[in-house]
Amino acid sequence: MAVAEFTLKDEILAEVKKRSWVHSIDLGHGIVTPGAWGGHNPLLWTALRSIDFQGKKVLDIGCWDGLFTFEAEKLGADQVYATDYIVHRNHQEDGTFELAAKVLGSNALYHPKVSVYDIESLGVNDFDVVIFAGIYYHLKDPLRALTALRRVTKEGGLILVEGEAINSPECFAKFHYHEPYVGDKSNWWIPTGTCLKQWVESSFFEIESDFGFGQTGVSENPTRYILTARAVSRKDPFYSYPDEDLQEFDRNTY
């Protein structure tokens, strides 16, 4: 949708009120969008702000209204690619990202119809930072997604992973189909924190910072796991044969 030019606070506020927001974004002018998800996990903000975004090329997966996209820009990112897959969203035509980007003067490149599985279609394979927050548990195949993200992350690049997890030292994931997790049918796999780390490591990333469990603004329990990891090429003793989609990063001899 085309977004008109906005100069006055009342005009911006009127446009904000027409839309349904999940993120609370400070648009300036004394206006903060009324995000339905409330305050985000404070530990996620700690993790996000621990990253050096200065001059970096960033990929924000499942950006929705654009909260993390705009934060990366504020923290010095040179270019941010913001992707979403709006066919899986309510209020698909609200244009919240476009409005916020216009008001904030964002230079982000917005791609609202790109699945994480097809992220290589962007034609970029050297992202310095990938933000993968609040996504993996909504996917039927989270390992396929991590594979796709490794393929577009430059060697030594950083991925931030955040999402729902089970607080257990064991390594397993629960599959939710007949019994949707917290009543939400868009949730598929909920791993333990240990399992999530192994998903990431098996995709040729090495854990850099394990922030552990944190709490969202809408939950009383710390159910969200946060970590950052570096993209690597390496010999991996846990592979018995090459993964054809990750073989270029695999230094094993088979």
Protein backbone atom coordinates (compact mmCIF):
# COMPACT_ATOMS: atom_id res chain seq x y z
CA MET A 1 0.00 0.00 0.00
CA ALA A 2 1.11 3.56 -0.62
CA VAL A 3 1.94 5.50 2.53
CA ALA A 4 1.23 9.23 2.47
CA GLU A 5 3.68 11.84 3.68
CA PHE A 6 3.22 12.66 7.36
CA THR A 7 4.40 15.85 8.98
CA LEU A 8 2.05 16.52 11.89
CA LYS A 9 1.71 14.50 15.06
CA ASP A 10 -2.09 14.33 14.75
CA GLU A 11 -1.82 12.87 11.25
CA ILE A 12 0.68 10.23 12.35
CA LEU A 13 -1.40 9.32 15.37
CA ALA A 14 -4.52 8.99 13.24
CA GLU A 15 -2.75 6.57 10.90
CA VAL A 16 -1.33 4.57 13.82
CA LYS A 17 -4.84 4.13 15.24
CA LYS A 18 -6.09 2.67 11.95
CA ARG A 19 -3.73 -0.29 12.22
CA SER A 20 -3.27 -3.35 14.43
CA TRP A 21 0.19 -3.44 16.04
CA VAL A 22 2.09 -6.21 17.78
CA HIS A 23 5.26 -4.19 18.44
CA SER A 24 5.59 -1.14 20.63
CA ILE A 25 7.72 1.15 18.46
CA ASP A 26 8.73 4.67 19.44
CA LEU A 27 7.93 6.74 16.38
CA GLY A 28 9.02 10.00 17.94
CA HIS A 29 6.61 12.92 18.22
CA GLY A 30 5.57 11.42 21.56
CA ILE A 31 3.95 8.44 19.80
CA VAL A 32 4.54 4.78 20.67
CA THR A 33 2.63 2.15 18.71
CA PRO A 34 0.21 0.10 20.88
CA GLY A 35 1.92 -3.30 20.61
CA ALA A 36 -0.36 -6.21 21.53
CA TRP A 37 2.62 -8.28 22.70
CA GLY A 38 3.50 -5.86 25.45
CA GLY A 39 7.08 -5.41 26.61
CA HIS A 40 9.63 -7.76 25.11
CA ASN A 41 11.94 -10.01 27.03
CA PRO A 42 14.49 -7.72 28.76
CA LEU A 43 17.14 -10.40 28.22
CA LEU A 44 16.45 -10.26 24.48
CA TRP A 45 17.19 -6.54 24.53
CA THR A 46 20.39 -7.25 26.44
CA ALA A 47 21.40 -9.77 23.77
CA LEU A 48 20.43 -7.46 20.91
CA ARG A 49 22.41 -4.56 22.31
CA SER A 50 25.45 -6.74 22.90
CA ILE A 51 25.85 -7.05 19.13
CA ASP A 52 28.06 -4.71 17.15
CA PHE A 53 25.74 -3.47 14.40
CA GLN A 54 27.97 -0.60 13.29
CA GLY A 55 28.33 -0.66 9.50
CA LYS A 56 26.85 -4.17 9.29
CA LYS A 57 24.54 -5.84 6.77
CA VAL A 58 21.63 -7.25 8.76
CA LEU A 59 18.80 -9.70 8.07
CA ASP A 60 15.68 -9.54 10.26
CA ILE A 61 13.55 -12.67 9.80
CA GLY A 62 9.81 -12.35 10.48
CA CYS A 63 10.09 -8.61 11.11
CA TRP A 64 6.32 -7.97 11.51
CA ASP A 65 6.00 -4.25 12.44
CA GLY A 66 9.77 -3.81 12.28
CA LEU A 67 10.83 -3.29 15.90
CA PHE A 68 14.19 -5.08 15.60
CA THR A 69 14.82 -3.75 12.10
CA PHE A 70 14.58 -0.18 13.30
CA GLU A 71 16.59 -0.94 16.44
CA ALA A 72 19.41 -2.38 14.30
CA GLU A 73 19.40 0.84 12.28
CA LYS A 74 19.53 2.91 15.47
CA LEU A 75 22.52 0.81 16.58
CA GLY A 76 24.40 1.66 13.40
CA ALA A 77 23.56 -1.02 10.84
CA ASP A 78 24.52 0.04 7.33
CA GLN A 79 21.75 -1.93 5.60
CA VAL A 80 18.88 -4.00 6.98
CA TYR A 81 16.87 -6.51 4.97
CA ALA A 82 13.52 -6.98 6.74
CA THR A 83 11.61 -10.09 5.68
CA ASP A 84 8.20 -11.43 6.58
CA TYR A 85 5.75 -14.01 5.28
CA ILE A 86 2.52 -12.10 5.68
CA VAL A 87 0.29 -14.91 4.41
CA HIS A 88 0.86 -16.39 7.89
CA ARG A 89 -0.21 -13.21 9.65
CA ASN A 90 -3.45 -11.57 10.66
CA HIS A 91 -4.01 -8.02 9.40
CA GLN A 92 -1.89 -8.66 6.32
CA GLU A 93 -2.72 -5.36 4.63
CA ASP A 94 -2.32 -3.07 7.62
CA GLY A 95 0.96 -1.67 6.37
CA THR A 96 2.37 -1.23 9.86
CA PHE A 97 5.97 -1.72 8.76
CA GLU A 98 5.61 0.72 5.88
CA LEU A 99 4.06 3.37 8.11
CA ALA A 100 6.69 3.03 10.85
CA ALA A 101 9.50 3.04 8.27
CA LYS A 102 8.13 6.18 6.66
CA VAL A 103 7.79 8.06 9.94
CA LEU A 104 11.24 6.95 11.15
CA GLY A 105 12.96 7.63 7.84
CA SER A 106 14.16 4.03 7.65
CA ASN A 107 16.29 2.80 4.75
CA ALA A 108 15.46 -0.86 5.39
CA LEU A 109 14.64 -3.07 2.42
CA TYR A 110 11.27 -4.66 3.17
CA HIS A 111 10.36 -8.06 1.69
CA PRO A 112 6.93 -9.07 3.05
CA LYS A 113 6.47 -12.26 1.01
CA VAL A 114 9.68 -14.23 1.58
CA SER A 115 9.66 -17.44 3.60
CA VAL A 116 12.74 -18.15 5.68
CA TYR A 117 13.06 -21.39 3.73
CA ASP A 118 13.50 -19.33 0.53
CA ILE A 119 15.77 -16.66 1.97
CA GLU A 120 18.40 -17.29 -0.70
CA SER A 121 15.97 -15.76 -3.20
CA LEU A 122 17.09 -12.36 -1.90
CA GLY A 123 20.38 -12.94 -3.71
CA VAL A 124 22.46 -11.98 -0.66
CA ASN A 125 24.77 -14.50 1.02
CA ASP A 126 27.02 -12.33 3.18
CA PHE A 127 24.93 -11.07 6.07
CA ASP A 128 26.97 -9.95 9.07
CA VAL A 129 24.08 -10.29 11.52
CA VAL A 130 20.88 -12.36 11.36
CA ILE A 131 18.02 -11.74 13.80
CA PHE A 132 15.96 -14.91 14.16
CA ALA A 133 13.69 -13.97 17.05
CA GLY A 134 10.26 -15.44 17.73
CA ILE A 135 10.23 -17.63 14.63
CA TYR A 136 11.64 -21.16 14.88
CA TYR A 137 8.81 -22.62 17.00
CA HIS A 138 6.27 -21.49 14.38
CA LEU A 139 8.00 -23.65 11.74
CA LYS A 140 7.32 -27.29 10.89
CA ASP A 141 10.97 -27.61 9.89
CA PRO A 142 13.19 -25.36 12.05
CA LEU A 143 16.39 -27.17 11.05
CA ARG A 144 15.69 -26.47 7.40
CA ALA A 145 15.33 -22.80 8.34
CA LEU A 146 18.65 -22.77 10.22
CA THR A 147 20.30 -24.41 7.22
CA ALA A 148 18.94 -21.69 4.94
CA LEU A 149 20.16 -18.98 7.32
CA ARG A 150 23.65 -20.49 7.55
CA ARG A 151 23.85 -20.39 3.77
CA VAL A 152 23.28 -16.61 3.72
CA THR A 153 25.44 -15.73 6.75
CA LYS A 154 29.05 -14.80 6.05
CA GLU A 155 31.84 -16.74 7.73
CA GLY A 156 32.15 -15.31 11.22
CA GLY A 157 28.77 -13.62 10.98
CA LEU A 158 26.46 -13.67 13.98
CA ILE A 159 22.96 -15.08 14.43
CA LEU A 160 20.69 -14.12 17.31
CA VAL A 161 18.19 -16.89 18.08
CA GLU A 162 15.26 -16.37 20.47
CA GLY A 163 12.06 -18.23 21.14
CA GLU A 164 9.92 -20.55 23.20
CA ALA A 165 11.75 -23.41 24.91
CA ILE A 166 11.41 -25.99 27.65
CA ASN A 167 13.52 -25.50 30.75
CA SER A 168 15.17 -28.91 31.01
CA PRO A 169 18.79 -30.13 30.82
CA GLU A 170 17.68 -32.97 28.54
CA CYS A 171 17.85 -32.76 24.76
CA PHE A 172 14.44 -33.17 23.12
CA ALA A 173 11.68 -31.20 21.42
CA LYS A 174 7.92 -31.58 21.75
CA PHE A 175 5.80 -31.59 18.61
CA HIS A 176 2.45 -29.84 18.89
CA TYR A 177 -0.23 -30.79 16.38
CA HIS A 178 -3.29 -32.28 18.07
CA GLU A 179 -2.56 -30.28 21.21
CA PRO A 180 -1.46 -26.77 20.22
CA TYR A 181 1.14 -25.20 22.47
CA VAL A 182 -0.54 -22.52 24.67
CA GLY A 183 -3.60 -22.86 22.44
CA ASP A 184 -1.82 -21.39 19.41
CA LYS A 185 -2.06 -23.59 16.32
CA SER A 186 0.87 -21.78 14.70
CA ASN A 187 3.26 -23.40 17.20
CA TRP A 188 4.86 -26.66 16.08
CA TRP A 189 8.15 -27.54 17.78
CA ILE A 190 9.16 -26.49 21.31
CA PRO A 191 12.72 -27.64 22.11
CA THR A 192 14.57 -27.70 25.37
CA GLY A 193 17.30 -25.09 25.65
CA THR A 194 19.85 -27.88 25.21
CA CYS A 195 18.10 -29.10 22.07
CA LEU A 196 17.89 -25.59 20.62
CA LYS A 197 21.64 -25.14 21.07
CA GLN A 198 22.29 -28.44 19.30
CA TRP A 199 19.98 -27.43 16.44
CA VAL A 200 22.06 -24.29 16.02
CA GLU A 201 25.44 -26.04 16.40
CA SER A 202 24.52 -28.79 13.92
CA SER A 203 23.84 -26.03 11.36
CA PHE A 204 27.50 -24.91 11.43
CA PHE A 205 27.22 -22.16 13.97
CA GLU A 206 29.22 -22.04 17.19
CA ILE A 207 27.52 -20.69 20.30
CA GLU A 208 29.10 -17.40 21.32
CA SER A 209 26.83 -16.17 24.13
CA ASP A 210 24.28 -18.34 25.91
CA PHE A 211 21.89 -15.93 27.59
CA GLY A 212 19.59 -18.70 28.76
CA PHE A 213 15.96 -18.22 29.73
CA GLY A 214 14.19 -14.90 29.95
CA GLN A 215 10.67 -13.65 30.43
CA THR A 216 8.37 -11.87 28.01
CA GLY A 217 6.11 -9.02 28.90
CA VAL A 218 3.05 -11.27 28.55
CA SER A 219 4.21 -14.28 30.58
CA GLU A 220 5.05 -14.71 34.24
CA ASN A 221 7.40 -17.62 33.52
CA PRO A 222 10.81 -17.50 31.80
CA THR A 223 9.96 -19.56 28.71
CA ARG A 224 12.07 -17.77 26.10
CA TYR A 225 15.59 -18.93 25.29
CA ILE A 226 18.17 -16.55 23.84
CA LEU A 227 21.59 -17.21 22.33
CA THR A 228 24.00 -15.80 19.79
CA ALA A 229 26.25 -17.94 17.58
CA ARG A 230 28.96 -17.44 14.94
CA ALA A 231 28.82 -18.94 11.45
CA VAL A 232 31.74 -21.33 10.99
CA SER A 233 33.26 -23.90 8.68
CA ARG A 234 34.75 -26.82 10.59
CA LYS A 235 35.32 -30.50 11.05
CA ASP A 236 32.37 -31.84 12.97
CA PRO A 237 32.87 -35.15 14.81
CA PHE A 238 29.12 -35.65 15.14
CA TYR A 239 28.50 -35.95 11.38
CA SER A 240 28.78 -39.45 9.92
CA TYR A 241 28.10 -38.30 6.35
CA PRO A 242 27.80 -34.87 4.72
CA ASP A 243 24.64 -32.79 4.74
CA GLU A 244 24.31 -31.81 1.08
CA ASP A 245 22.83 -28.39 1.95
CA LEU A 246 25.67 -27.57 4.37
CA GLN A 247 28.51 -29.43 2.69
CA GLU A 248 30.39 -26.27 1.72
CA PHE A 249 30.97 -25.55 5.43
CA ASP A 250 31.91 -29.13 6.34
CA ARG A 251 35.66 -29.81 6.65
CA ASN A 252 35.28 -33.49 7.50
CA THR A 253 36.87 -36.20 5.37
CA TYR A 254 34.41 -38.99 4.72
